[in-house]
Amino acid sequence: MTLRISGKSISIGEALRARVGDRTDEVLRKYFDGNYSGHITLSKDGFGFRTDCALHLDSGISLEAESNAADAYASADAALLMIEKRLRRYKSRLKDRSARKTYAAATAFAELNGVGLDAPSYVIEAPESDDEVTEYSPVIIAEATTALKRLSVSEAVMELDLSGAACLVFQHGGSGRVNVIYRRTDGNVGWVDPPAVNP
């Protein structure tokens, strides 16, 4: 278990560091019985404090939360409360050891067979002349190279909720096709499952 608690442009005392560490351990042990790692950053934000949490569970799930409050302790507590609410929603799946073992076995099998899909790293440059630009066209940058997880739709929705991300790209567990789920503006989850391409 490696948990870094640090201040960004501020010095945090041992009392705050100990309280945040103890509270994080309490929240995660309540709903998850494996190991975890992560980084919690506290920073000054205007007249208050901001806390950014990024925690990674050994089951492969990432949790992210951020909060603002007038007090550093309150800001950290609010961020950890968000994580606790997300974990409470999915506690039965997180405690289920057989599901984690199945997921780990499927991931290991996919890596052995080279099924993991990698996104290439590239930068598309802005046009050289003004003739090519008719309206605003920003530079598109794609730098992430990551293996897609093989998940069922319900597992992907769980991961989307736990991470707090706007969207999640994954490989469908049944069909093997690349799927996308995303948070809609009405609060629901959208699912994109394109049909298989026939050569």
N, C-alpha and C. Protein backbone atom coordinates (compact mmCIF):
# COMPACT_ATOMS: atom_id res chain seq x y z
N MET A 1 0.85 -1.17 0.00
CA MET A 1 0.00 0.00 0.00
C MET A 1 0.89 1.23 0.00
N THR A 2 0.79 2.04 -1.03
CA THR A 2 1.53 3.29 -1.11
C THR A 2 0.53 4.41 -1.30
N LEU A 3 0.44 5.27 -0.31
CA LEU A 3 -0.46 6.42 -0.39
C LEU A 3 0.36 7.66 -0.12
N ARG A 4 0.44 8.54 -1.13
CA ARG A 4 1.16 9.80 -0.96
C ARG A 4 0.16 10.89 -0.67
N ILE A 5 0.40 11.64 0.39
CA ILE A 5 -0.43 12.78 0.75
C ILE A 5 0.49 13.98 0.73
N SER A 6 0.22 14.92 -0.17
CA SER A 6 1.13 16.05 -0.33
C SER A 6 0.36 17.34 -0.52
N GLY A 7 1.07 18.43 -0.35
CA GLY A 7 0.51 19.75 -0.57
C GLY A 7 1.09 20.36 -1.82
N LYS A 8 0.27 21.06 -2.56
CA LYS A 8 0.74 21.74 -3.77
C LYS A 8 0.83 23.23 -3.43
N SER A 9 2.02 23.74 -3.39
CA SER A 9 2.31 25.13 -3.03
C SER A 9 1.92 25.47 -1.59
N ILE A 10 1.69 24.47 -0.78
CA ILE A 10 1.45 24.67 0.65
C ILE A 10 2.14 23.55 1.42
N SER A 11 2.40 23.82 2.66
CA SER A 11 2.99 22.80 3.53
C SER A 11 1.89 22.24 4.41
N ILE A 12 1.70 20.93 4.37
CA ILE A 12 0.68 20.33 5.23
C ILE A 12 1.37 19.69 6.42
N GLY A 13 0.75 19.81 7.56
CA GLY A 13 1.33 19.29 8.79
C GLY A 13 1.11 17.80 8.95
N GLU A 14 1.80 17.24 9.93
CA GLU A 14 1.68 15.80 10.20
C GLU A 14 0.28 15.43 10.67
N ALA A 15 -0.39 16.33 11.41
CA ALA A 15 -1.74 16.04 11.90
C ALA A 15 -2.71 15.87 10.73
N LEU A 16 -2.65 16.77 9.75
CA LEU A 16 -3.53 16.68 8.58
C LEU A 16 -3.17 15.45 7.75
N ARG A 17 -1.89 15.20 7.57
CA ARG A 17 -1.43 14.04 6.80
C ARG A 17 -1.92 12.74 7.45
N ALA A 18 -1.81 12.66 8.78
CA ALA A 18 -2.24 11.46 9.49
C ALA A 18 -3.75 11.29 9.42
N ARG A 19 -4.49 12.39 9.56
CA ARG A 19 -5.95 12.29 9.52
C ARG A 19 -6.44 11.85 8.14
N VAL A 20 -5.88 12.44 7.09
CA VAL A 20 -6.29 12.07 5.74
C VAL A 20 -5.92 10.61 5.45
N GLY A 21 -4.74 10.19 5.87
CA GLY A 21 -4.32 8.81 5.67
C GLY A 21 -5.21 7.82 6.41
N ASP A 22 -5.52 8.13 7.67
CA ASP A 22 -6.39 7.26 8.46
C ASP A 22 -7.80 7.20 7.89
N ARG A 23 -8.32 8.35 7.47
CA ARG A 23 -9.68 8.40 6.92
C ARG A 23 -9.74 7.64 5.59
N THR A 24 -8.72 7.77 4.76
CA THR A 24 -8.67 7.04 3.49
C THR A 24 -8.66 5.54 3.74
N ASP A 25 -7.82 5.11 4.68
CA ASP A 25 -7.75 3.69 5.01
C ASP A 25 -9.09 3.19 5.55
N GLU A 26 -9.73 3.99 6.39
CA GLU A 26 -11.03 3.61 6.96
C GLU A 26 -12.08 3.44 5.86
N VAL A 27 -12.14 4.40 4.93
CA VAL A 27 -13.13 4.35 3.85
C VAL A 27 -12.89 3.14 2.96
N LEU A 28 -11.66 2.90 2.56
CA LEU A 28 -11.37 1.81 1.63
C LEU A 28 -11.50 0.45 2.30
N ARG A 29 -11.09 0.31 3.53
CA ARG A 29 -11.21 -0.99 4.23
C ARG A 29 -12.66 -1.36 4.50
N LYS A 30 -13.51 -0.36 4.60
CA LYS A 30 -14.94 -0.61 4.85
C LYS A 30 -15.58 -1.34 3.67
N TYR A 31 -15.14 -1.03 2.44
CA TYR A 31 -15.79 -1.57 1.25
C TYR A 31 -14.89 -2.45 0.39
N PHE A 32 -13.60 -2.47 0.67
CA PHE A 32 -12.67 -3.20 -0.19
C PHE A 32 -11.64 -3.88 0.70
N ASP A 33 -11.39 -5.17 0.47
CA ASP A 33 -10.48 -5.90 1.35
C ASP A 33 -9.10 -6.16 0.73
N GLY A 34 -8.80 -5.53 -0.38
CA GLY A 34 -7.49 -5.68 -1.01
C GLY A 34 -6.59 -4.49 -0.72
N ASN A 35 -5.45 -4.44 -1.40
CA ASN A 35 -4.52 -3.33 -1.25
C ASN A 35 -4.86 -2.21 -2.21
N TYR A 36 -4.30 -1.06 -1.96
CA TYR A 36 -4.55 0.11 -2.80
C TYR A 36 -3.32 1.00 -2.79
N SER A 37 -3.28 1.91 -3.74
CA SER A 37 -2.23 2.93 -3.80
C SER A 37 -2.86 4.19 -4.34
N GLY A 38 -2.15 5.29 -4.24
CA GLY A 38 -2.71 6.51 -4.78
C GLY A 38 -2.00 7.75 -4.29
N HIS A 39 -2.59 8.89 -4.66
CA HIS A 39 -2.03 10.19 -4.33
C HIS A 39 -3.16 11.14 -3.99
N ILE A 40 -3.03 11.81 -2.87
CA ILE A 40 -4.00 12.83 -2.46
C ILE A 40 -3.23 14.14 -2.37
N THR A 41 -3.70 15.16 -3.10
CA THR A 41 -3.04 16.45 -3.14
C THR A 41 -3.97 17.51 -2.59
N LEU A 42 -3.48 18.29 -1.63
CA LEU A 42 -4.22 19.42 -1.09
C LEU A 42 -3.55 20.69 -1.58
N SER A 43 -4.35 21.66 -2.01
CA SER A 43 -3.79 22.90 -2.51
C SER A 43 -4.69 24.07 -2.13
N LYS A 44 -4.11 25.26 -2.14
CA LYS A 44 -4.86 26.48 -1.86
C LYS A 44 -5.61 26.84 -3.13
N ASP A 45 -6.89 27.18 -2.99
CA ASP A 45 -7.72 27.51 -4.14
C ASP A 45 -8.55 28.74 -3.80
N GLY A 46 -8.08 29.90 -4.21
CA GLY A 46 -8.79 31.14 -3.87
C GLY A 46 -8.75 31.37 -2.37
N PHE A 47 -9.94 31.44 -1.76
CA PHE A 47 -10.03 31.65 -0.32
C PHE A 47 -10.18 30.34 0.44
N GLY A 48 -10.15 29.22 -0.25
CA GLY A 48 -10.33 27.93 0.40
C GLY A 48 -9.25 26.94 0.01
N PHE A 49 -9.60 25.67 0.13
CA PHE A 49 -8.67 24.59 -0.18
C PHE A 49 -9.32 23.62 -1.15
N ARG A 50 -8.48 22.98 -1.95
CA ARG A 50 -8.93 22.00 -2.93
C ARG A 50 -8.20 20.69 -2.64
N THR A 51 -8.95 19.59 -2.73
CA THR A 51 -8.36 18.26 -2.55
C THR A 51 -8.62 17.44 -3.80
N ASP A 52 -7.55 16.86 -4.35
CA ASP A 52 -7.65 15.96 -5.51
C ASP A 52 -7.19 14.58 -5.06
N CYS A 53 -8.07 13.59 -5.22
CA CYS A 53 -7.76 12.21 -4.84
C CYS A 53 -7.71 11.35 -6.09
N ALA A 54 -6.68 10.54 -6.20
CA ALA A 54 -6.58 9.53 -7.26
C ALA A 54 -6.11 8.25 -6.58
N LEU A 55 -7.02 7.29 -6.44
CA LEU A 55 -6.72 6.03 -5.75
C LEU A 55 -6.87 4.88 -6.72
N HIS A 56 -6.01 3.88 -6.60
CA HIS A 56 -6.01 2.72 -7.49
C HIS A 56 -6.11 1.46 -6.64
N LEU A 57 -7.16 0.70 -6.84
CA LEU A 57 -7.36 -0.55 -6.11
C LEU A 57 -6.65 -1.68 -6.85
N ASP A 58 -6.23 -2.70 -6.12
CA ASP A 58 -5.55 -3.84 -6.73
C ASP A 58 -6.43 -4.60 -7.71
N SER A 59 -7.73 -4.43 -7.62
CA SER A 59 -8.64 -5.11 -8.55
C SER A 59 -8.62 -4.45 -9.92
N GLY A 60 -7.89 -3.33 -10.07
CA GLY A 60 -7.80 -2.65 -11.35
C GLY A 60 -8.70 -1.44 -11.46
N ILE A 61 -9.44 -1.13 -10.42
CA ILE A 61 -10.38 -0.02 -10.44
C ILE A 61 -9.68 1.25 -9.96
N SER A 62 -9.94 2.36 -10.65
CA SER A 62 -9.40 3.65 -10.26
C SER A 62 -10.52 4.53 -9.75
N LEU A 63 -10.26 5.22 -8.66
CA LEU A 63 -11.23 6.13 -8.06
C LEU A 63 -10.64 7.53 -8.09
N GLU A 64 -11.43 8.49 -8.53
CA GLU A 64 -10.97 9.87 -8.55
C GLU A 64 -12.06 10.76 -7.99
N ALA A 65 -11.65 11.75 -7.20
CA ALA A 65 -12.59 12.72 -6.65
C ALA A 65 -11.86 14.01 -6.37
N GLU A 66 -12.61 15.09 -6.39
CA GLU A 66 -12.05 16.40 -6.05
C GLU A 66 -13.10 17.17 -5.29
N SER A 67 -12.65 18.05 -4.42
CA SER A 67 -13.59 18.86 -3.65
C SER A 67 -12.94 20.17 -3.25
N ASN A 68 -13.78 21.14 -2.94
CA ASN A 68 -13.34 22.45 -2.47
C ASN A 68 -14.07 22.76 -1.17
N ALA A 69 -13.37 23.38 -0.23
CA ALA A 69 -13.99 23.80 1.03
C ALA A 69 -13.13 24.91 1.62
N ALA A 70 -13.69 25.59 2.61
CA ALA A 70 -12.98 26.69 3.25
C ALA A 70 -11.82 26.20 4.11
N ASP A 71 -11.90 24.96 4.57
CA ASP A 71 -10.90 24.38 5.47
C ASP A 71 -10.25 23.18 4.80
N ALA A 72 -8.97 22.95 5.03
CA ALA A 72 -8.27 21.82 4.42
C ALA A 72 -8.84 20.49 4.89
N TYR A 73 -9.17 20.39 6.18
CA TYR A 73 -9.74 19.16 6.72
C TYR A 73 -11.10 18.88 6.07
N ALA A 74 -11.93 19.91 5.95
CA ALA A 74 -13.26 19.75 5.35
C ALA A 74 -13.16 19.38 3.88
N SER A 75 -12.19 19.95 3.18
CA SER A 75 -12.00 19.64 1.77
C SER A 75 -11.61 18.17 1.58
N ALA A 76 -10.68 17.69 2.40
CA ALA A 76 -10.26 16.29 2.31
C ALA A 76 -11.40 15.36 2.68
N ASP A 77 -12.16 15.71 3.73
CA ASP A 77 -13.30 14.88 4.14
C ASP A 77 -14.36 14.80 3.05
N ALA A 78 -14.60 15.92 2.36
CA ALA A 78 -15.61 15.93 1.30
C ALA A 78 -15.18 15.05 0.12
N ALA A 79 -13.91 15.09 -0.24
CA ALA A 79 -13.42 14.25 -1.34
C ALA A 79 -13.51 12.78 -0.97
N LEU A 80 -13.15 12.44 0.25
CA LEU A 80 -13.23 11.05 0.69
C LEU A 80 -14.67 10.59 0.84
N LEU A 81 -15.57 11.51 1.17
CA LEU A 81 -17.00 11.17 1.24
C LEU A 81 -17.53 10.81 -0.15
N MET A 82 -17.07 11.54 -1.18
CA MET A 82 -17.47 11.20 -2.56
C MET A 82 -17.01 9.79 -2.91
N ILE A 83 -15.78 9.47 -2.57
CA ILE A 83 -15.25 8.13 -2.85
C ILE A 83 -16.04 7.09 -2.08
N GLU A 84 -16.36 7.38 -0.82
CA GLU A 84 -17.12 6.43 -0.01
C GLU A 84 -18.50 6.17 -0.61
N LYS A 85 -19.17 7.21 -1.11
CA LYS A 85 -20.49 7.03 -1.73
C LYS A 85 -20.39 6.15 -2.97
N ARG A 86 -19.36 6.36 -3.77
CA ARG A 86 -19.19 5.55 -4.97
C ARG A 86 -18.91 4.10 -4.61
N LEU A 87 -18.08 3.89 -3.60
CA LEU A 87 -17.77 2.52 -3.17
C LEU A 87 -18.99 1.83 -2.58
N ARG A 88 -19.81 2.56 -1.85
CA ARG A 88 -21.00 1.98 -1.23
C ARG A 88 -21.95 1.44 -2.31
N ARG A 89 -22.02 2.15 -3.42
CA ARG A 89 -22.89 1.74 -4.52
C ARG A 89 -22.50 0.38 -5.08
N TYR A 90 -21.21 0.08 -5.06
CA TYR A 90 -20.71 -1.14 -5.70
C TYR A 90 -20.02 -2.08 -4.71
N LYS A 91 -20.38 -2.02 -3.43
CA LYS A 91 -19.66 -2.79 -2.42
C LYS A 91 -19.75 -4.29 -2.64
N SER A 92 -20.89 -4.79 -3.12
CA SER A 92 -21.02 -6.24 -3.29
C SER A 92 -20.07 -6.74 -4.38
N ARG A 93 -19.88 -5.98 -5.42
CA ARG A 93 -18.96 -6.39 -6.49
C ARG A 93 -17.50 -6.28 -6.05
N LEU A 94 -17.20 -5.27 -5.25
CA LEU A 94 -15.82 -5.08 -4.81
C LEU A 94 -15.40 -6.14 -3.80
N LYS A 95 -16.32 -6.60 -2.97
CA LYS A 95 -16.01 -7.61 -1.97
C LYS A 95 -15.99 -9.01 -2.57
N ASP A 96 -16.56 -9.19 -3.75
CA ASP A 96 -16.68 -10.51 -4.36
C ASP A 96 -15.33 -10.96 -4.92
N ARG A 97 -14.68 -11.85 -4.20
CA ARG A 97 -13.35 -12.29 -4.61
C ARG A 97 -13.37 -13.09 -5.90
N SER A 98 -14.42 -13.88 -6.10
CA SER A 98 -14.47 -14.71 -7.31
C SER A 98 -14.56 -13.86 -8.56
N ALA A 99 -15.27 -12.74 -8.50
CA ALA A 99 -15.36 -11.85 -9.66
C ALA A 99 -13.99 -11.24 -9.96
N ARG A 100 -13.25 -10.89 -8.91
CA ARG A 100 -11.92 -10.32 -9.12
C ARG A 100 -10.98 -11.36 -9.72
N LYS A 101 -11.08 -12.60 -9.24
CA LYS A 101 -10.21 -13.65 -9.77
C LYS A 101 -10.53 -13.93 -11.23
N THR A 102 -11.81 -13.94 -11.58
CA THR A 102 -12.22 -14.15 -12.97
C THR A 102 -11.69 -13.03 -13.85
N TYR A 103 -11.81 -11.79 -13.36
CA TYR A 103 -11.32 -10.64 -14.12
C TYR A 103 -9.80 -10.73 -14.30
N ALA A 104 -9.07 -11.09 -13.24
CA ALA A 104 -7.61 -11.19 -13.33
C ALA A 104 -7.21 -12.30 -14.30
N ALA A 105 -7.91 -13.42 -14.27
CA ALA A 105 -7.60 -14.52 -15.18
C ALA A 105 -7.87 -14.12 -16.62
N ALA A 106 -8.98 -13.44 -16.87
CA ALA A 106 -9.31 -13.01 -18.23
C ALA A 106 -8.29 -12.00 -18.74
N THR A 107 -7.85 -11.09 -17.87
CA THR A 107 -6.86 -10.10 -18.26
C THR A 107 -5.53 -10.76 -18.58
N ALA A 108 -5.12 -11.71 -17.75
CA ALA A 108 -3.86 -12.42 -17.99
C ALA A 108 -3.92 -13.21 -19.29
N PHE A 109 -5.06 -13.87 -19.56
CA PHE A 109 -5.24 -14.62 -20.79
C PHE A 109 -5.17 -13.70 -22.00
N ALA A 110 -5.80 -12.53 -21.91
CA ALA A 110 -5.79 -11.58 -23.02
C ALA A 110 -4.37 -11.07 -23.28
N GLU A 111 -3.60 -10.84 -22.22
CA GLU A 111 -2.23 -10.36 -22.40
C GLU A 111 -1.36 -11.44 -23.02
N LEU A 112 -1.57 -12.70 -22.64
CA LEU A 112 -0.79 -13.79 -23.22
C LEU A 112 -1.06 -13.94 -24.71
N ASN A 113 -2.30 -13.74 -25.11
CA ASN A 113 -2.67 -13.88 -26.51
C ASN A 113 -2.47 -12.60 -27.31
N GLY A 114 -2.03 -11.53 -26.65
CA GLY A 114 -1.80 -10.27 -27.35
C GLY A 114 -3.07 -9.60 -27.79
N VAL A 115 -4.17 -9.82 -27.06
CA VAL A 115 -5.45 -9.24 -27.45
C VAL A 115 -5.55 -7.79 -27.05
N GLY A 116 -4.74 -7.33 -26.08
CA GLY A 116 -4.83 -5.94 -25.60
C GLY A 116 -4.64 -4.97 -26.75
N LEU A 117 -5.56 -4.07 -26.94
CA LEU A 117 -5.48 -3.09 -28.01
C LEU A 117 -4.73 -1.87 -27.52
N ASP A 118 -3.82 -1.34 -28.34
CA ASP A 118 -3.07 -0.17 -27.96
C ASP A 118 -3.45 1.00 -28.85
N ALA A 119 -3.63 2.16 -28.23
CA ALA A 119 -3.89 3.37 -28.99
C ALA A 119 -2.53 3.97 -29.36
N PRO A 120 -2.33 4.32 -30.62
CA PRO A 120 -1.04 4.89 -31.00
C PRO A 120 -0.89 6.31 -30.46
N SER A 121 0.33 6.72 -30.30
CA SER A 121 0.62 8.07 -29.82
C SER A 121 0.97 8.92 -31.04
N TYR A 122 0.24 9.98 -31.22
CA TYR A 122 0.51 10.82 -32.37
C TYR A 122 -0.01 12.24 -32.12
N VAL A 123 0.50 13.17 -32.93
CA VAL A 123 0.06 14.56 -32.88
C VAL A 123 -0.26 14.97 -34.31
N ILE A 124 -1.44 15.52 -34.52
CA ILE A 124 -1.81 16.04 -35.83
C ILE A 124 -1.53 17.54 -35.79
N GLU A 125 -0.64 17.98 -36.63
CA GLU A 125 -0.19 19.36 -36.59
C GLU A 125 -1.22 20.30 -37.20
N ALA A 126 -1.18 21.54 -36.75
CA ALA A 126 -2.04 22.58 -37.31
C ALA A 126 -1.56 22.90 -38.72
N PRO A 127 -2.45 23.33 -39.61
CA PRO A 127 -2.04 23.64 -40.98
C PRO A 127 -1.04 24.80 -41.01
N GLU A 128 -0.15 24.77 -42.02
CA GLU A 128 0.90 25.78 -42.14
C GLU A 128 0.37 27.11 -42.66
N SER A 129 -0.53 27.07 -43.65
CA SER A 129 -1.00 28.33 -44.23
C SER A 129 -2.40 28.66 -43.76
N ASP A 130 -2.74 29.95 -43.85
CA ASP A 130 -4.07 30.40 -43.43
C ASP A 130 -5.14 29.99 -44.43
N ASP A 131 -4.74 29.62 -45.66
CA ASP A 131 -5.72 29.22 -46.67
C ASP A 131 -6.44 27.93 -46.25
N GLU A 132 -5.74 27.08 -45.55
CA GLU A 132 -6.33 25.80 -45.14
C GLU A 132 -7.32 25.96 -43.99
N VAL A 133 -7.21 27.07 -43.27
CA VAL A 133 -8.04 27.27 -42.09
C VAL A 133 -9.24 28.14 -42.47
N THR A 134 -10.44 27.56 -42.41
CA THR A 134 -11.63 28.33 -42.71
C THR A 134 -12.33 28.79 -41.44
N GLU A 135 -12.18 28.03 -40.37
CA GLU A 135 -12.74 28.40 -39.08
C GLU A 135 -11.81 27.84 -38.00
N TYR A 136 -12.17 28.02 -36.77
CA TYR A 136 -11.33 27.57 -35.66
C TYR A 136 -11.06 26.08 -35.75
N SER A 137 -9.81 25.71 -35.78
CA SER A 137 -9.45 24.29 -35.81
C SER A 137 -8.25 24.07 -34.91
N PRO A 138 -8.48 23.61 -33.68
CA PRO A 138 -7.37 23.42 -32.75
C PRO A 138 -6.53 22.21 -33.11
N VAL A 139 -5.33 22.16 -32.56
CA VAL A 139 -4.44 21.03 -32.76
C VAL A 139 -5.00 19.85 -31.97
N ILE A 140 -5.07 18.69 -32.60
CA ILE A 140 -5.56 17.48 -31.95
C ILE A 140 -4.36 16.71 -31.43
N ILE A 141 -4.37 16.43 -30.15
CA ILE A 141 -3.25 15.73 -29.53
C ILE A 141 -3.76 14.44 -28.91
N ALA A 142 -3.14 13.33 -29.24
CA ALA A 142 -3.48 12.05 -28.63
C ALA A 142 -2.18 11.41 -28.18
N GLU A 143 -1.97 11.36 -26.87
CA GLU A 143 -0.70 10.87 -26.37
C GLU A 143 -0.82 9.60 -25.54
N ALA A 144 -2.01 9.19 -25.20
CA ALA A 144 -2.17 8.04 -24.30
C ALA A 144 -2.07 6.73 -25.05
N THR A 145 -1.26 5.84 -24.53
CA THR A 145 -1.19 4.48 -25.02
C THR A 145 -1.61 3.58 -23.88
N THR A 146 -2.70 2.88 -24.05
CA THR A 146 -3.21 2.05 -22.97
C THR A 146 -3.88 0.81 -23.54
N ALA A 147 -3.82 -0.26 -22.79
CA ALA A 147 -4.52 -1.48 -23.19
C ALA A 147 -5.98 -1.36 -22.77
N LEU A 148 -6.88 -1.72 -23.66
CA LEU A 148 -8.30 -1.66 -23.34
C LEU A 148 -8.66 -2.82 -22.43
N LYS A 149 -9.46 -2.53 -21.42
CA LYS A 149 -9.92 -3.58 -20.51
C LYS A 149 -11.06 -4.34 -21.16
N ARG A 150 -11.10 -5.63 -20.93
CA ARG A 150 -12.20 -6.47 -21.42
C ARG A 150 -13.22 -6.54 -20.30
N LEU A 151 -14.37 -5.86 -20.48
CA LEU A 151 -15.38 -5.73 -19.44
C LEU A 151 -16.76 -6.01 -19.99
N SER A 152 -17.67 -6.40 -19.10
CA SER A 152 -19.08 -6.42 -19.47
C SER A 152 -19.58 -4.98 -19.37
N VAL A 153 -20.76 -4.71 -19.89
CA VAL A 153 -21.29 -3.36 -19.86
C VAL A 153 -21.52 -2.91 -18.42
N SER A 154 -22.03 -3.80 -17.57
CA SER A 154 -22.27 -3.41 -16.18
C SER A 154 -20.97 -3.13 -15.45
N GLU A 155 -19.90 -3.89 -15.74
CA GLU A 155 -18.60 -3.60 -15.13
C GLU A 155 -18.06 -2.27 -15.63
N ALA A 156 -18.28 -1.96 -16.90
CA ALA A 156 -17.82 -0.69 -17.45
C ALA A 156 -18.56 0.48 -16.82
N VAL A 157 -19.87 0.32 -16.60
CA VAL A 157 -20.65 1.38 -15.94
C VAL A 157 -20.14 1.59 -14.52
N MET A 158 -19.83 0.49 -13.83
CA MET A 158 -19.28 0.60 -12.48
C MET A 158 -17.95 1.36 -12.51
N GLU A 159 -17.09 1.03 -13.45
CA GLU A 159 -15.79 1.71 -13.56
C GLU A 159 -15.98 3.18 -13.90
N LEU A 160 -16.94 3.51 -14.76
CA LEU A 160 -17.23 4.89 -15.11
C LEU A 160 -17.67 5.67 -13.88
N ASP A 161 -18.57 5.09 -13.09
CA ASP A 161 -19.05 5.75 -11.88
C ASP A 161 -17.95 5.92 -10.85
N LEU A 162 -17.13 4.89 -10.67
CA LEU A 162 -16.08 4.97 -9.66
C LEU A 162 -14.98 5.95 -10.04
N SER A 163 -14.66 6.04 -11.32
CA SER A 163 -13.58 6.93 -11.73
C SER A 163 -14.04 8.37 -11.85
N GLY A 164 -15.33 8.59 -12.06
CA GLY A 164 -15.82 9.96 -12.23
C GLY A 164 -15.49 10.53 -13.60
N ALA A 165 -15.06 9.69 -14.53
CA ALA A 165 -14.69 10.14 -15.88
C ALA A 165 -15.94 10.45 -16.70
N ALA A 166 -15.76 11.19 -17.78
CA ALA A 166 -16.88 11.53 -18.66
C ALA A 166 -17.23 10.38 -19.59
N CYS A 167 -16.23 9.58 -19.96
CA CYS A 167 -16.49 8.45 -20.85
C CYS A 167 -15.47 7.35 -20.58
N LEU A 168 -15.76 6.17 -21.10
CA LEU A 168 -14.87 5.02 -20.92
C LEU A 168 -14.91 4.19 -22.19
N VAL A 169 -13.74 3.89 -22.74
CA VAL A 169 -13.61 3.03 -23.91
C VAL A 169 -13.13 1.67 -23.40
N PHE A 170 -13.79 0.60 -23.83
CA PHE A 170 -13.44 -0.73 -23.35
C PHE A 170 -13.72 -1.76 -24.43
N GLN A 171 -13.20 -2.96 -24.23
CA GLN A 171 -13.46 -4.07 -25.14
C GLN A 171 -14.58 -4.89 -24.52
N HIS A 172 -15.65 -5.10 -25.28
CA HIS A 172 -16.82 -5.82 -24.77
C HIS A 172 -16.44 -7.26 -24.45
N GLY A 173 -16.83 -7.71 -23.26
CA GLY A 173 -16.46 -9.05 -22.80
C GLY A 173 -17.04 -10.16 -23.65
N GLY A 174 -18.23 -9.98 -24.19
CA GLY A 174 -18.87 -11.03 -24.98
C GLY A 174 -18.46 -11.02 -26.43
N SER A 175 -18.54 -9.86 -27.07
CA SER A 175 -18.29 -9.78 -28.51
C SER A 175 -16.85 -9.47 -28.87
N GLY A 176 -16.10 -8.85 -27.95
CA GLY A 176 -14.73 -8.48 -28.25
C GLY A 176 -14.60 -7.18 -29.02
N ARG A 177 -15.74 -6.54 -29.34
CA ARG A 177 -15.70 -5.27 -30.07
C ARG A 177 -15.40 -4.11 -29.12
N VAL A 178 -14.87 -3.03 -29.68
CA VAL A 178 -14.60 -1.83 -28.91
C VAL A 178 -15.92 -1.11 -28.67
N ASN A 179 -16.22 -0.80 -27.41
CA ASN A 179 -17.44 -0.11 -27.02
C ASN A 179 -17.08 1.15 -26.25
N VAL A 180 -18.03 2.08 -26.18
CA VAL A 180 -17.87 3.32 -25.42
C VAL A 180 -19.11 3.52 -24.57
N ILE A 181 -18.91 3.88 -23.31
CA ILE A 181 -20.02 4.35 -22.49
C ILE A 181 -19.67 5.76 -22.04
N TYR A 182 -20.70 6.58 -21.86
CA TYR A 182 -20.46 7.98 -21.51
C TYR A 182 -21.59 8.49 -20.64
N ARG A 183 -21.30 9.53 -19.88
CA ARG A 183 -22.29 10.17 -19.02
C ARG A 183 -23.05 11.19 -19.86
N ARG A 184 -24.35 11.01 -19.97
CA ARG A 184 -25.18 11.93 -20.75
C ARG A 184 -25.50 13.18 -19.93
N THR A 185 -25.94 14.24 -20.60
CA THR A 185 -26.26 15.48 -19.89
C THR A 185 -27.46 15.33 -18.98
N ASP A 186 -28.34 14.35 -19.24
CA ASP A 186 -29.50 14.14 -18.37
C ASP A 186 -29.16 13.25 -17.17
N GLY A 187 -27.89 12.86 -17.03
CA GLY A 187 -27.46 12.06 -15.88
C GLY A 187 -27.43 10.57 -16.14
N ASN A 188 -28.03 10.11 -17.22
CA ASN A 188 -28.02 8.69 -17.55
C ASN A 188 -26.72 8.31 -18.24
N VAL A 189 -26.56 7.03 -18.51
CA VAL A 189 -25.35 6.54 -19.17
C VAL A 189 -25.70 6.12 -20.59
N GLY A 190 -24.93 6.60 -21.56
CA GLY A 190 -25.10 6.21 -22.96
C GLY A 190 -24.11 5.11 -23.30
N TRP A 191 -24.49 4.21 -24.21
CA TRP A 191 -23.65 3.07 -24.59
C TRP A 191 -23.56 3.02 -26.10
N VAL A 192 -22.35 3.03 -26.64
CA VAL A 192 -22.12 2.92 -28.08
C VAL A 192 -21.51 1.55 -28.34
N ASP A 193 -22.23 0.72 -29.11
CA ASP A 193 -21.78 -0.63 -29.46
C ASP A 193 -21.87 -0.75 -30.98
N PRO A 194 -20.80 -0.36 -31.70
CA PRO A 194 -20.86 -0.41 -33.16
C PRO A 194 -20.91 -1.85 -33.66
N PRO A 195 -21.58 -2.07 -34.78
CA PRO A 195 -21.64 -3.44 -35.33
C PRO A 195 -20.28 -3.87 -35.85
N ALA A 196 -20.10 -5.16 -35.97
CA ALA A 196 -18.85 -5.71 -36.49
C ALA A 196 -18.70 -5.29 -37.95
N VAL A 197 -17.48 -4.99 -38.35
CA VAL A 197 -17.19 -4.58 -39.72
C VAL A 197 -16.93 -5.83 -40.54
N ASN A 198 -17.68 -5.98 -41.64
CA ASN A 198 -17.49 -7.12 -42.54
C ASN A 198 -16.49 -6.73 -43.62
N PRO A 199 -15.42 -7.52 -43.80
CA PRO A 199 -14.41 -7.17 -44.82
C PRO A 199 -14.89 -7.37 -46.22
